[in-house]
Structure formats: C-alpha cells, structure tokens
Amino acid sequence: MPSDLAALAGKDLKESQQTMQANGREIVYSSFASKKHYWWNDATKACVSLKIDAKNIGSFANIDEKERTKRLAAARKLREGYFDGPSSIHGPALDKEREKLAAEGFKVTISTKGLTNDGRSGEYWWNAGTSRCLYVVFETKSGNWVKNVNSEAKQCKNPAPPKKEVAP
C-alpha cells in the first residue's frame, strides 16, 4: 500500500479525495450500497479500493487486474460523453428554453451526449447568484426539449478532463 494512502486512513473523506486527486489519482468506480470507491493512478498503474466509514476513510485494498481493467474502461467510456460548454444540438423549443435560462442568470457549464440508451442528451446549467444547478434534457437527434431537472451543485462540474464537443 502506498504510504500516502496509508496516511489517509481514518481521515475526512472529502479532504482525502482532494488529496488523492492532487496526487494523480482518479475515481473510476463508486458504490453507495457497498460504500466503496476505486481510485486509479495512471502514473503507477495501480488501482485501490477505498472503503468508506461514515464520512471518513475506513480502509484501502489493492484491486486485481481484471476488476481494475473493467472499472477503468467503464469510467473512461462514461467520461467520453461529457463536454465543456453547450451542446451543438439545436431545436426551436430547446433554443427557447436556453434563452429563458440565460435571462434568469443561468450559464451552461457542461453538456452530455450519448450517456443514456433513450436517445437523449443534456446540458448542466449553473446560476451563480442562486447556487442552483439544472440539467436540461433533450432529444439527441431532433433537438426537442424534454424537461429540466433540479440537480446538486456538484453535478454542474465536468467529471472528465476538459474537452469541447466536435459538431457533426
């Protein structure tokens, strides 16, 4: 077990996650049911399981190669669907909804494409004045606006490395 991880045992979860990210690790799996996170370090090619005890780090364990490969591939595939800024998809009702949100002080932070099997995409909109995050859902092919969903503030931050969507 790397010494920097051993030092985090029993520490605050949020602070420890920030430390792990600063040390080059990325979260590749999270389960609320089992209270477990998997963290990958690309530089060392090591993946560890983090057991959560309340809001603190409980323990760490190494992950076998098969499980690590599966979780890393799934996390990277998911992250390929996140983009900084607005989507290139347009439609009359969607564009009208975007104008309304902009007038209310919202700004699009990230967009998603192809993350669901129902043919829908979306954009996360943040309002700094109200600290409110909305997820705007729309049809990927037609650009038809579907609905807005209230989201947690942390959802308005891109979980993937920064990149822009390339218009088709």
Foldseek 3Di string as FASTA:
>chain_A
DDPVVVVQAFHFQVVVVVVCVVVQKAWQDQDPVQQWIWIAHPVVRWIKIWHDDPRGTHDIDTDDPVVVVVSNVVSVVLLVFKAFADDPAADDVLVVVVVVCVVVQWGWGMWGPDNDPPQKIWTWIARPVVLWIKIWIAHNPHRHTDDIDTDHSVVSDRSHDHDHDDDD
